[in-house]
Amino acid sequence: MTASGTAADEAETRQGWDDTADPPVVPRRYPWRWVCAGGVVLALAWMAWVLATTETMEWNVVGEYLFSSEVLAGVKGTVVMTVLSMALGMVLGTLVAVMRLSPNPVLTGVASLYQWFFRGTPTLVQLIFWFNLSSIFPGFEVGVGALGFDVDTNRVMTPFLAALLGLGLNFAAYYSEIVRAGILSVDEGQSDAATAYGLSRFRTLRHIVLPQAMRVIIPPTGNELIGMLKFTSLASVVSYSELLRSASDVYNRTYQVIPLLVVAAIWYLFMTTVLSTGQHFLEKRFARGAQRATTSTLAERILTDVRGRWAKRR
């Protein structure tokens, strides 16, 4: 066999090996994605520059009132009203959801009527109604027989109580549908198995159904919590001292409207960011074992990256 024939055979063999080998993986390129991202970055940079250089923003005033005692008192009032309204709404909403799923037609009808009324009227109207309840009931008597005592509605229905009832009762109507959807998402076989083991309806709901329903209930509840934080600003119409009310009290004296609104916006953004981060970690905890994983937020990605860099340095 000649040398040229041997070289040709080796070339053919090598070509056969190349044909059977896996082709190199070339990642797909997305040029327009980067073009759009660059445009967004430029737009954000332009907006930041405009806000930073506009004299009417008065950033020195923003820094002056950002941690002032009046604003911090408003922040405290907002947090307190958010927590209490959510607590009232969650307890009452869970009860309404259970009533809606009850086989008793009276309980179902009462729960449906509650949802119809409080979801059908604006929150602002309900707040004003509770604050002016004395126009309908100037006073009422509490007690039995000689042990009764009169109550002045004007003294009882304070701005705090009016805001709590207006926000809490309204939220309960929406939260009841969230809980009902979560309960219905649990397979009926779970309840049947619990009944076969002799568990009562209450124990089945508490130990079997609700823990599994939390994976469905948590995400919309987190959204409602963030919404409630901002809905507390409506309580300013009934003279409750929350963040927006505190900011408005200041700019009504100083006539510096825009800087004080910026202060309020910064605090709202800070609180919603904290709540969103907590919501994400809570979702991950209750989503353990689910097929679909939750997506990471920007705050979590930054926190994970910082933890990784700190661990490498140690």
C-alpha atoms as a PDB file:
ATOM      1  CA  MET A   1       0.000   0.000   0.000  1.00  0.00           C
ATOM      2  CA  THR A   2       1.384   3.403  -0.948  1.00  0.00           C
ATOM      3  CA  ALA A   3       1.893   6.290   1.423  1.00  0.00           C
ATOM      4  CA  SER A   4      -0.739   8.376  -0.343  1.00  0.00           C
ATOM      5  CA  GLY A   5      -3.314   5.586   0.118  1.00  0.00           C
ATOM      6  CA  THR A   6      -2.564   5.332   3.847  1.00  0.00           C
ATOM      7  CA  ALA A   7      -2.971   9.082   4.311  1.00  0.00           C
ATOM      8  CA  ALA A   8      -6.291   9.011   2.473  1.00  0.00           C
ATOM      9  CA  ASP A   9      -7.568   6.174   4.698  1.00  0.00           C
ATOM     10  CA  GLU A  10      -6.564   8.041   7.848  1.00  0.00           C
ATOM     11  CA  ALA A  11      -8.305  11.181   6.590  1.00  0.00           C
ATOM     12  CA  GLU A  12     -11.498   9.215   5.913  1.00  0.00           C
ATOM     13  CA  THR A  13     -11.356   7.620   9.381  1.00  0.00           C
ATOM     14  CA  ARG A  14     -10.831  10.997  11.047  1.00  0.00           C
ATOM     15  CA  GLN A  15     -13.731  12.462   9.071  1.00  0.00           C
ATOM     16  CA  GLY A  16     -15.969   9.626  10.289  1.00  0.00           C
ATOM     17  CA  TRP A  17     -14.975  10.362  13.884  1.00  0.00           C
ATOM     18  CA  ASP A  18     -15.776  14.033  13.385  1.00  0.00           C
ATOM     19  CA  ASP A  19     -19.209  13.199  11.973  1.00  0.00           C
ATOM     20  CA  THR A  20     -20.139  11.061  14.982  1.00  0.00           C
ATOM     21  CA  ALA A  21     -18.900  13.633  17.529  1.00  0.00           C
ATOM     22  CA  ASP A  22     -21.383  16.054  19.118  1.00  0.00           C
ATOM     23  CA  PRO A  23     -21.397  19.462  17.426  1.00  0.00           C
ATOM     24  CA  PRO A  24     -20.178  22.390  19.498  1.00  0.00           C
ATOM     25  CA  VAL A  25     -22.898  24.230  21.447  1.00  0.00           C
ATOM     26  CA  VAL A  26     -23.141  27.861  20.407  1.00  0.00           C
ATOM     27  CA  PRO A  27     -25.298  30.000  22.723  1.00  0.00           C
ATOM     28  CA  ARG A  28     -27.991  31.969  21.008  1.00  0.00           C
ATOM     29  CA  ARG A  29     -27.338  35.663  20.843  1.00  0.00           C
ATOM     30  CA  TYR A  30     -29.949  38.274  21.629  1.00  0.00           C
ATOM     31  CA  PRO A  31     -28.682  41.602  20.247  1.00  0.00           C
ATOM     32  CA  TRP A  32     -32.024  43.397  20.546  1.00  0.00           C
ATOM     33  CA  ARG A  33     -32.331  42.363  24.168  1.00  0.00           C
ATOM     34  CA  TRP A  34     -29.135  44.217  24.981  1.00  0.00           C
ATOM     35  CA  VAL A  35     -30.221  47.176  22.852  1.00  0.00           C
ATOM     36  CA  CYS A  36     -33.487  47.430  24.800  1.00  0.00           C
ATOM     37  CA  ALA A  37     -31.641  47.012  28.116  1.00  0.00           C
ATOM     38  CA  GLY A  38     -29.255  49.801  27.149  1.00  0.00           C
ATOM     39  CA  GLY A  39     -32.175  52.049  26.245  1.00  0.00           C
ATOM     40  CA  VAL A  40     -33.847  51.383  29.593  1.00  0.00           C
ATOM     41  CA  VAL A  41     -30.612  52.119  31.470  1.00  0.00           C
ATOM     42  CA  LEU A  42     -30.194  55.393  29.594  1.00  0.00           C
ATOM     43  CA  ALA A  43     -33.801  56.384  30.301  1.00  0.00           C
ATOM     44  CA  LEU A  44     -33.382  55.625  34.003  1.00  0.00           C
ATOM     45  CA  ALA A  45     -30.124  57.581  34.111  1.00  0.00           C
ATOM     46  CA  TRP A  46     -31.818  60.544  32.435  1.00  0.00           C
ATOM     47  CA  MET A  47     -34.711  60.444  34.908  1.00  0.00           C
ATOM     48  CA  ALA A  48     -32.312  60.239  37.858  1.00  0.00           C
ATOM     49  CA  TRP A  49     -30.335  63.202  36.523  1.00  0.00           C
ATOM     50  CA  VAL A  50     -33.491  65.267  36.038  1.00  0.00           C
ATOM     51  CA  LEU A  51     -34.727  64.502  39.557  1.00  0.00           C
ATOM     52  CA  ALA A  52     -31.314  65.237  41.057  1.00  0.00           C
ATOM     53  CA  THR A  53     -30.868  68.577  39.276  1.00  0.00           C
ATOM     54  CA  THR A  54     -34.418  69.947  39.506  1.00  0.00           C
ATOM     55  CA  GLU A  55     -34.493  72.780  42.019  1.00  0.00           C
ATOM     56  CA  THR A  56     -38.145  72.275  42.944  1.00  0.00           C
ATOM     57  CA  MET A  57     -37.318  68.864  44.430  1.00  0.00           C
ATOM     58  CA  GLU A  58     -35.407  70.630  47.245  1.00  0.00           C
ATOM     59  CA  TRP A  59     -33.400  67.600  48.338  1.00  0.00           C
ATOM     60  CA  ASN A  60     -32.009  69.506  51.293  1.00  0.00           C
ATOM     61  CA  VAL A  61     -35.554  69.793  52.653  1.00  0.00           C
ATOM     62  CA  VAL A  62     -36.099  66.085  51.986  1.00  0.00           C
ATOM     63  CA  GLY A  63     -33.030  65.260  54.059  1.00  0.00           C
ATOM     64  CA  GLU A  64     -34.157  67.612  56.793  1.00  0.00           C
ATOM     65  CA  TYR A  65     -37.587  66.009  57.275  1.00  0.00           C
ATOM     66  CA  LEU A  66     -36.796  62.394  56.352  1.00  0.00           C
ATOM     67  CA  PHE A  67     -36.097  61.443  59.967  1.00  0.00           C
ATOM     68  CA  SER A  68     -37.985  64.224  61.729  1.00  0.00           C
ATOM     69  CA  SER A  69     -40.096  63.338  64.759  1.00  0.00           C
ATOM     70  CA  GLU A  70     -43.383  64.147  63.012  1.00  0.00           C
ATOM     71  CA  VAL A  71     -42.621  61.928  60.019  1.00  0.00           C
ATOM     72  CA  LEU A  72     -41.375  59.073  62.208  1.00  0.00           C
ATOM     73  CA  ALA A  73     -44.572  59.296  64.258  1.00  0.00           C
ATOM     74  CA  GLY A  74     -46.519  58.983  61.020  1.00  0.00           C
ATOM     75  CA  VAL A  75     -44.459  55.955  60.003  1.00  0.00           C
ATOM     76  CA  LYS A  76     -45.240  54.348  63.350  1.00  0.00           C
ATOM     77  CA  GLY A  77     -48.946  55.073  62.914  1.00  0.00           C
ATOM     78  CA  THR A  78     -48.887  53.526  59.436  1.00  0.00           C
ATOM     79  CA  VAL A  79     -47.182  50.348  60.645  1.00  0.00           C
ATOM     80  CA  VAL A  80     -49.513  49.972  63.643  1.00  0.00           C
ATOM     81  CA  MET A  81     -52.643  50.461  61.538  1.00  0.00           C
ATOM     82  CA  THR A  82     -51.368  48.045  58.881  1.00  0.00           C
ATOM     83  CA  VAL A  83     -50.648  45.285  61.402  1.00  0.00           C
ATOM     84  CA  LEU A  84     -53.921  45.664  63.300  1.00  0.00           C
ATOM     85  CA  SER A  85     -56.064  45.970  60.165  1.00  0.00           C
ATOM     86  CA  MET A  86     -54.436  42.882  58.676  1.00  0.00           C
ATOM     87  CA  ALA A  87     -54.908  40.928  61.903  1.00  0.00           C
ATOM     88  CA  LEU A  88     -58.592  41.860  62.106  1.00  0.00           C
ATOM     89  CA  GLY A  89     -59.128  41.184  58.410  1.00  0.00           C
ATOM     90  CA  MET A  90     -57.345  37.821  58.416  1.00  0.00           C
ATOM     91  CA  VAL A  91     -59.244  36.472  61.420  1.00  0.00           C
ATOM     92  CA  LEU A  92     -62.607  37.684  60.187  1.00  0.00           C
ATOM     93  CA  GLY A  93     -61.848  36.775  56.561  1.00  0.00           C
ATOM     94  CA  THR A  94     -60.942  33.196  57.494  1.00  0.00           C
ATOM     95  CA  LEU A  95     -64.204  32.916  59.423  1.00  0.00           C
ATOM     96  CA  VAL A  96     -66.189  34.261  56.462  1.00  0.00           C
ATOM     97  CA  ALA A  97     -64.430  31.832  54.096  1.00  0.00           C
ATOM     98  CA  VAL A  98     -65.317  28.868  56.314  1.00  0.00           C
ATOM     99  CA  MET A  99     -68.909  30.108  56.480  1.00  0.00           C
ATOM    100  CA  ARG A 100     -69.021  30.344  52.679  1.00  0.00           C
ATOM    101  CA  LEU A 101     -67.955  26.695  52.417  1.00  0.00           C
ATOM    102  CA  SER A 102     -70.382  25.554  55.097  1.00  0.00           C
ATOM    103  CA  PRO A 103     -73.269  23.253  54.075  1.00  0.00           C
ATOM    104  CA  ASN A 104     -75.531  25.454  56.222  1.00  0.00           C
ATOM    105  CA  PRO A 105     -77.430  27.776  53.826  1.00  0.00           C
ATOM    106  CA  VAL A 106     -77.873  30.456  56.514  1.00  0.00           C
ATOM    107  CA  LEU A 107     -74.116  30.744  57.154  1.00  0.00           C
ATOM    108  CA  THR A 108     -73.414  30.723  53.429  1.00  0.00           C
ATOM    109  CA  GLY A 109     -75.971  33.460  52.837  1.00  0.00           C
ATOM    110  CA  VAL A 110     -74.635  35.674  55.633  1.00  0.00           C
ATOM    111  CA  ALA A 111     -71.064  35.296  54.369  1.00  0.00           C
ATOM    112  CA  SER A 112     -72.112  36.084  50.796  1.00  0.00           C
ATOM    113  CA  LEU A 113     -74.016  39.167  51.982  1.00  0.00           C
ATOM    114  CA  TYR A 114     -70.963  40.361  53.907  1.00  0.00           C
ATOM    115  CA  GLN A 115     -68.741  39.979  50.857  1.00  0.00           C
ATOM    116  CA  TRP A 116     -71.282  41.664  48.606  1.00  0.00           C
ATOM    117  CA  PHE A 117     -71.606  44.726  50.824  1.00  0.00           C
ATOM    118  CA  PHE A 118     -67.984  45.375  51.798  1.00  0.00           C
ATOM    119  CA  ARG A 119     -66.556  44.610  48.347  1.00  0.00           C
ATOM    120  CA  GLY A 120     -69.270  46.630  46.637  1.00  0.00           C
ATOM    121  CA  THR A 121     -68.671  49.918  48.463  1.00  0.00           C
ATOM    122  CA  PRO A 122     -65.462  52.001  48.282  1.00  0.00           C
ATOM    123  CA  THR A 123     -63.064  51.870  51.201  1.00  0.00           C
ATOM    124  CA  LEU A 124     -63.104  55.656  51.489  1.00  0.00           C
ATOM    125  CA  VAL A 125     -66.895  55.664  51.860  1.00  0.00           C
ATOM    126  CA  GLN A 126     -66.674  53.048  54.613  1.00  0.00           C
ATOM    127  CA  LEU A 127     -64.051  55.060  56.486  1.00  0.00           C
ATOM    128  CA  ILE A 128     -66.174  58.216  56.385  1.00  0.00           C
ATOM    129  CA  PHE A 129     -69.253  56.228  57.401  1.00  0.00           C
ATOM    130  CA  TRP A 130     -67.584  54.792  60.508  1.00  0.00           C
ATOM    131  CA  PHE A 131     -66.151  58.178  61.453  1.00  0.00           C
ATOM    132  CA  ASN A 132     -69.627  59.740  61.251  1.00  0.00           C
ATOM    133  CA  LEU A 133     -71.458  56.859  62.906  1.00  0.00           C
ATOM    134  CA  SER A 134     -72.700  59.233  65.615  1.00  0.00           C
ATOM    135  CA  SER A 135     -74.975  60.869  63.037  1.00  0.00           C
ATOM    136  CA  ILE A 136     -77.018  57.647  63.006  1.00  0.00           C
ATOM    137  CA  PHE A 137     -76.385  56.377  66.542  1.00  0.00           C
ATOM    138  CA  PRO A 138     -75.528  59.304  68.859  1.00  0.00           C
ATOM    139  CA  GLY A 139     -75.359  56.871  71.757  1.00  0.00           C
ATOM    140  CA  PHE A 140     -76.317  53.387  72.800  1.00  0.00           C
ATOM    141  CA  GLU A 141     -76.758  51.402  75.981  1.00  0.00           C
ATOM    142  CA  VAL A 142     -74.614  48.421  76.872  1.00  0.00           C
ATOM    143  CA  GLY A 143     -75.512  45.926  79.574  1.00  0.00           C
ATOM    144  CA  VAL A 144     -78.432  44.031  81.054  1.00  0.00           C
ATOM    145  CA  GLY A 145     -80.983  45.636  83.334  1.00  0.00           C
ATOM    146  CA  ALA A 146     -79.533  47.772  86.089  1.00  0.00           C
ATOM    147  CA  LEU A 147     -75.988  46.917  85.067  1.00  0.00           C
ATOM    148  CA  GLY A 148     -76.274  48.775  81.782  1.00  0.00           C
ATOM    149  CA  PHE A 149     -74.455  52.003  80.957  1.00  0.00           C
ATOM    150  CA  ASP A 150     -74.704  54.566  78.176  1.00  0.00           C
ATOM    151  CA  VAL A 151     -71.972  54.990  75.598  1.00  0.00           C
ATOM    152  CA  ASP A 152     -71.380  58.220  73.652  1.00  0.00           C
ATOM    153  CA  THR A 153     -70.558  57.305  70.058  1.00  0.00           C
ATOM    154  CA  ASN A 154     -68.525  60.469  69.531  1.00  0.00           C
ATOM    155  CA  ARG A 155     -66.179  59.486  72.345  1.00  0.00           C
ATOM    156  CA  VAL A 156     -65.898  55.838  71.283  1.00  0.00           C
ATOM    157  CA  MET A 157     -65.526  56.266  67.538  1.00  0.00           C
ATOM    158  CA  THR A 158     -62.074  57.844  67.510  1.00  0.00           C
ATOM    159  CA  PRO A 159     -60.098  58.318  64.276  1.00  0.00           C
ATOM    160  CA  PHE A 160     -58.053  55.246  65.204  1.00  0.00           C
ATOM    161  CA  LEU A 161     -61.114  53.004  65.668  1.00  0.00           C
ATOM    162  CA  ALA A 162     -62.821  54.366  62.551  1.00  0.00           C
ATOM    163  CA  ALA A 163     -59.715  53.658  60.467  1.00  0.00           C
ATOM    164  CA  LEU A 164     -59.322  50.182  61.989  1.00  0.00           C
ATOM    165  CA  LEU A 165     -62.932  49.196  61.291  1.00  0.00           C
ATOM    166  CA  GLY A 166     -62.987  50.727  57.820  1.00  0.00           C
ATOM    167  CA  LEU A 167     -59.774  49.071  56.661  1.00  0.00           C
ATOM    168  CA  GLY A 168     -60.063  45.801  58.597  1.00  0.00           C
ATOM    169  CA  LEU A 169     -63.662  44.949  57.679  1.00  0.00           C
ATOM    170  CA  ASN A 170     -63.084  45.850  54.049  1.00  0.00           C
ATOM    171  CA  PHE A 171     -59.949  43.711  53.870  1.00  0.00           C
ATOM    172  CA  ALA A 172     -61.763  40.760  55.457  1.00  0.00           C
ATOM    173  CA  ALA A 173     -64.186  40.627  52.532  1.00  0.00           C
ATOM    174  CA  TYR A 174     -61.330  40.268  50.026  1.00  0.00           C
ATOM    175  CA  TYR A 175     -59.232  37.991  52.200  1.00  0.00           C
ATOM    176  CA  SER A 176     -62.130  35.561  52.614  1.00  0.00           C
ATOM    177  CA  GLU A 177     -61.999  34.824  48.883  1.00  0.00           C
ATOM    178  CA  ILE A 178     -58.249  34.242  49.098  1.00  0.00           C
ATOM    179  CA  VAL A 179     -58.722  31.721  51.903  1.00  0.00           C
ATOM    180  CA  ARG A 180     -61.623  30.076  50.117  1.00  0.00           C
ATOM    181  CA  ALA A 181     -59.545  29.661  46.962  1.00  0.00           C
ATOM    182  CA  GLY A 182     -56.710  28.155  49.006  1.00  0.00           C
ATOM    183  CA  ILE A 183     -59.041  25.675  50.713  1.00  0.00           C
ATOM    184  CA  LEU A 184     -60.589  24.638  47.404  1.00  0.00           C
ATOM    185  CA  SER A 185     -57.119  24.052  45.949  1.00  0.00           C
ATOM    186  CA  VAL A 186     -56.556  21.148  48.374  1.00  0.00           C
ATOM    187  CA  ASP A 187     -57.666  17.813  47.002  1.00  0.00           C
ATOM    188  CA  GLU A 188     -60.920  16.538  48.480  1.00  0.00           C
ATOM    189  CA  GLY A 189     -59.267  13.203  49.148  1.00  0.00           C
ATOM    190  CA  GLN A 190     -57.332  14.848  51.986  1.00  0.00           C
ATOM    191  CA  SER A 191     -60.561  15.687  53.797  1.00  0.00           C
ATOM    192  CA  ASP A 192     -62.010  12.249  53.072  1.00  0.00           C
ATOM    193  CA  ALA A 193     -58.916  10.573  54.520  1.00  0.00           C
ATOM    194  CA  ALA A 194     -59.084  12.748  57.627  1.00  0.00           C
ATOM    195  CA  THR A 195     -62.750  11.881  58.088  1.00  0.00           C
ATOM    196  CA  ALA A 196     -61.913   8.192  57.728  1.00  0.00           C
ATOM    197  CA  TYR A 197     -59.403   8.583  60.577  1.00  0.00           C
ATOM    198  CA  GLY A 198     -62.112  10.093  62.753  1.00  0.00           C
ATOM    199  CA  LEU A 199     -60.975  13.718  62.716  1.00  0.00           C
ATOM    200  CA  SER A 200     -63.626  16.357  63.228  1.00  0.00           C
ATOM    201  CA  ARG A 201     -64.332  19.018  60.624  1.00  0.00           C
ATOM    202  CA  PHE A 202     -62.500  21.662  62.676  1.00  0.00           C
ATOM    203  CA  ARG A 203     -59.419  19.498  63.230  1.00  0.00           C
ATOM    204  CA  THR A 204     -59.379  18.507  59.569  1.00  0.00           C
ATOM    205  CA  LEU A 205     -59.459  22.159  58.569  1.00  0.00           C
ATOM    206  CA  ARG A 206     -56.777  23.149  61.086  1.00  0.00           C
ATOM    207  CA  HIS A 207     -54.291  20.279  60.733  1.00  0.00           C
ATOM    208  CA  ILE A 208     -54.862  18.966  57.192  1.00  0.00           C
ATOM    209  CA  VAL A 209     -56.439  21.503  54.857  1.00  0.00           C
ATOM    210  CA  LEU A 210     -55.116  24.926  55.939  1.00  0.00           C
ATOM    211  CA  PRO A 211     -51.408  23.915  56.105  1.00  0.00           C
ATOM    212  CA  GLN A 212     -51.613  22.685  52.502  1.00  0.00           C
ATOM    213  CA  ALA A 213     -53.643  25.700  51.428  1.00  0.00           C
ATOM    214  CA  MET A 214     -51.021  28.143  52.733  1.00  0.00           C
ATOM    215  CA  ARG A 215     -48.939  27.682  49.584  1.00  0.00           C
ATOM    216  CA  VAL A 216     -51.817  29.222  47.634  1.00  0.00           C
ATOM    217  CA  ILE A 217     -52.839  31.735  50.301  1.00  0.00           C
ATOM    218  CA  ILE A 218     -49.431  33.291  51.061  1.00  0.00           C
ATOM    219  CA  PRO A 219     -48.656  35.069  47.720  1.00  0.00           C
ATOM    220  CA  PRO A 220     -51.930  37.041  47.425  1.00  0.00           C
ATOM    221  CA  THR A 221     -51.850  37.727  51.170  1.00  0.00           C
ATOM    222  CA  GLY A 222     -48.434  39.307  50.765  1.00  0.00           C
ATOM    223  CA  ASN A 223     -49.779  41.468  47.964  1.00  0.00           C
ATOM    224  CA  GLU A 224     -52.747  42.479  50.102  1.00  0.00           C
ATOM    225  CA  LEU A 225     -50.387  43.354  52.964  1.00  0.00           C
ATOM    226  CA  ILE A 226     -48.440  45.692  50.718  1.00  0.00           C
ATOM    227  CA  GLY A 227     -51.701  47.152  49.466  1.00  0.00           C
ATOM    228  CA  MET A 228     -52.931  47.631  53.024  1.00  0.00           C
ATOM    229  CA  LEU A 229     -49.743  49.515  53.882  1.00  0.00           C
ATOM    230  CA  LYS A 230     -50.589  52.031  51.172  1.00  0.00           C
ATOM    231  CA  PHE A 231     -54.334  51.987  51.829  1.00  0.00           C
ATOM    232  CA  THR A 232     -53.650  53.366  55.312  1.00  0.00           C
ATOM    233  CA  SER A 233     -53.088  56.707  53.604  1.00  0.00           C
ATOM    234  CA  LEU A 234     -56.889  56.861  53.147  1.00  0.00           C
ATOM    235  CA  ALA A 235     -57.186  57.083  56.925  1.00  0.00           C
ATOM    236  CA  SER A 236     -55.943  60.660  56.714  1.00  0.00           C
ATOM    237  CA  VAL A 237     -59.494  61.718  55.751  1.00  0.00           C
ATOM    238  CA  VAL A 238     -60.706  60.680  59.222  1.00  0.00           C
ATOM    239  CA  SER A 239     -57.837  62.583  60.890  1.00  0.00           C
ATOM    240  CA  TYR A 240     -55.820  59.495  61.797  1.00  0.00           C
ATOM    241  CA  SER A 241     -52.148  60.392  62.182  1.00  0.00           C
ATOM    242  CA  GLU A 242     -50.373  58.178  59.652  1.00  0.00           C
ATOM    243  CA  LEU A 243     -47.489  58.913  57.294  1.00  0.00           C
ATOM    244  CA  LEU A 244     -49.331  60.918  54.652  1.00  0.00           C
ATOM    245  CA  ARG A 245     -51.238  62.857  57.304  1.00  0.00           C
ATOM    246  CA  SER A 246     -48.003  63.744  59.086  1.00  0.00           C
ATOM    247  CA  ALA A 247     -46.398  64.870  55.830  1.00  0.00           C
ATOM    248  CA  SER A 248     -49.443  66.973  54.923  1.00  0.00           C
ATOM    249  CA  ASP A 249     -49.426  68.612  58.356  1.00  0.00           C
ATOM    250  CA  VAL A 250     -45.840  69.693  57.756  1.00  0.00           C
ATOM    251  CA  TYR A 251     -46.293  71.033  54.224  1.00  0.00           C
ATOM    252  CA  ASN A 252     -49.478  72.864  55.233  1.00  0.00           C
ATOM    253  CA  ARG A 253     -47.242  74.897  57.560  1.00  0.00           C
ATOM    254  CA  THR A 254     -44.155  75.220  55.370  1.00  0.00           C
ATOM    255  CA  TYR A 255     -45.800  75.130  51.894  1.00  0.00           C
ATOM    256  CA  GLN A 256     -43.071  72.721  50.757  1.00  0.00           C
ATOM    257  CA  VAL A 257     -45.453  70.218  49.188  1.00  0.00           C
ATOM    258  CA  ILE A 258     -43.182  68.336  46.791  1.00  0.00           C
ATOM    259  CA  PRO A 259     -40.298  67.658  49.217  1.00  0.00           C
ATOM    260  CA  LEU A 260     -42.666  66.312  51.882  1.00  0.00           C
ATOM    261  CA  LEU A 261     -44.414  64.090  49.353  1.00  0.00           C
ATOM    262  CA  VAL A 262     -41.003  62.773  48.331  1.00  0.00           C
ATOM    263  CA  VAL A 263     -40.283  62.020  51.996  1.00  0.00           C
ATOM    264  CA  ALA A 264     -43.537  60.056  52.254  1.00  0.00           C
ATOM    265  CA  ALA A 265     -42.793  58.212  49.006  1.00  0.00           C
ATOM    266  CA  ILE A 266     -39.314  57.212  50.226  1.00  0.00           C
ATOM    267  CA  TRP A 267     -40.740  55.754  53.427  1.00  0.00           C
ATOM    268  CA  TYR A 268     -43.484  53.900  51.554  1.00  0.00           C
ATOM    269  CA  LEU A 269     -40.908  52.454  49.145  1.00  0.00           C
ATOM    270  CA  PHE A 270     -38.694  51.366  52.033  1.00  0.00           C
ATOM    271  CA  MET A 271     -41.525  49.622  53.885  1.00  0.00           C
ATOM    272  CA  THR A 272     -42.893  47.905  50.785  1.00  0.00           C
ATOM    273  CA  THR A 273     -39.394  46.668  49.912  1.00  0.00           C
ATOM    274  CA  VAL A 274     -39.014  45.116  53.352  1.00  0.00           C
ATOM    275  CA  LEU A 275     -42.438  43.480  53.097  1.00  0.00           C
ATOM    276  CA  SER A 276     -41.751  42.184  49.582  1.00  0.00           C
ATOM    277  CA  THR A 277     -38.500  40.574  50.705  1.00  0.00           C
ATOM    278  CA  GLY A 278     -40.192  38.945  53.683  1.00  0.00           C
ATOM    279  CA  GLN A 279     -43.010  37.742  51.456  1.00  0.00           C
ATOM    280  CA  HIS A 280     -40.537  36.046  49.120  1.00  0.00           C
ATOM    281  CA  PHE A 281     -38.820  34.081  51.884  1.00  0.00           C
ATOM    282  CA  LEU A 282     -42.200  33.104  53.339  1.00  0.00           C
ATOM    283  CA  GLU A 283     -43.333  31.865  49.932  1.00  0.00           C
ATOM    284  CA  LYS A 284     -40.191  29.765  49.607  1.00  0.00           C
ATOM    285  CA  ARG A 285     -40.812  28.161  52.983  1.00  0.00           C
ATOM    286  CA  PHE A 286     -44.382  27.148  52.198  1.00  0.00           C
ATOM    287  CA  ALA A 287     -43.527  26.148  48.620  1.00  0.00           C
ATOM    288  CA  ARG A 288     -41.106  23.424  49.711  1.00  0.00           C
ATOM    289  CA  GLY A 289     -41.877  20.248  47.808  1.00  0.00           C
ATOM    290  CA  ALA A 290     -43.734  22.057  45.029  1.00  0.00           C
ATOM    291  CA  GLN A 291     -42.739  21.365  41.439  1.00  0.00           C
ATOM    292  CA  ARG A 292     -42.460  25.002  40.439  1.00  0.00           C
ATOM    293  CA  ALA A 293     -39.812  26.996  42.275  1.00  0.00           C
ATOM    294  CA  THR A 294     -40.330  30.621  43.215  1.00  0.00           C
ATOM    295  CA  THR A 295     -38.332  33.265  41.389  1.00  0.00           C
ATOM    296  CA  SER A 296     -35.711  35.284  43.214  1.00  0.00           C
ATOM    297  CA  THR A 297     -36.251  38.964  43.844  1.00  0.00           C
ATOM    298  CA  LEU A 298     -33.583  41.572  43.187  1.00  0.00           C
ATOM    299  CA  ALA A 299     -33.074  42.072  46.931  1.00  0.00           C
ATOM    300  CA  GLU A 300     -32.561  38.338  47.484  1.00  0.00           C
ATOM    301  CA  ARG A 301     -30.083  38.113  44.604  1.00  0.00           C
ATOM    302  CA  ILE A 302     -28.066  40.963  46.082  1.00  0.00           C
ATOM    303  CA  LEU A 303     -28.228  39.392  49.547  1.00  0.00           C
ATOM    304  CA  THR A 304     -27.168  35.992  48.198  1.00  0.00           C
ATOM    305  CA  ASP A 305     -24.271  37.551  46.285  1.00  0.00           C
ATOM    306  CA  VAL A 306     -23.092  39.442  49.383  1.00  0.00           C
ATOM    307  CA  ARG A 307     -23.275  36.270  51.476  1.00  0.00           C
ATOM    308  CA  GLY A 308     -21.299  34.337  48.867  1.00  0.00           C
ATOM    309  CA  ARG A 309     -18.559  36.959  48.689  1.00  0.00           C
ATOM    310  CA  TRP A 310     -18.379  37.145  52.485  1.00  0.00           C
ATOM    311  CA  ALA A 311     -18.101  33.359  52.761  1.00  0.00           C
ATOM    312  CA  LYS A 312     -15.243  33.300  50.234  1.00  0.00           C
ATOM    313  CA  ARG A 313     -13.316  35.953  52.154  1.00  0.00           C
ATOM    314  CA  ARG A 314     -13.641  33.967  55.366  1.00  0.00           C
END
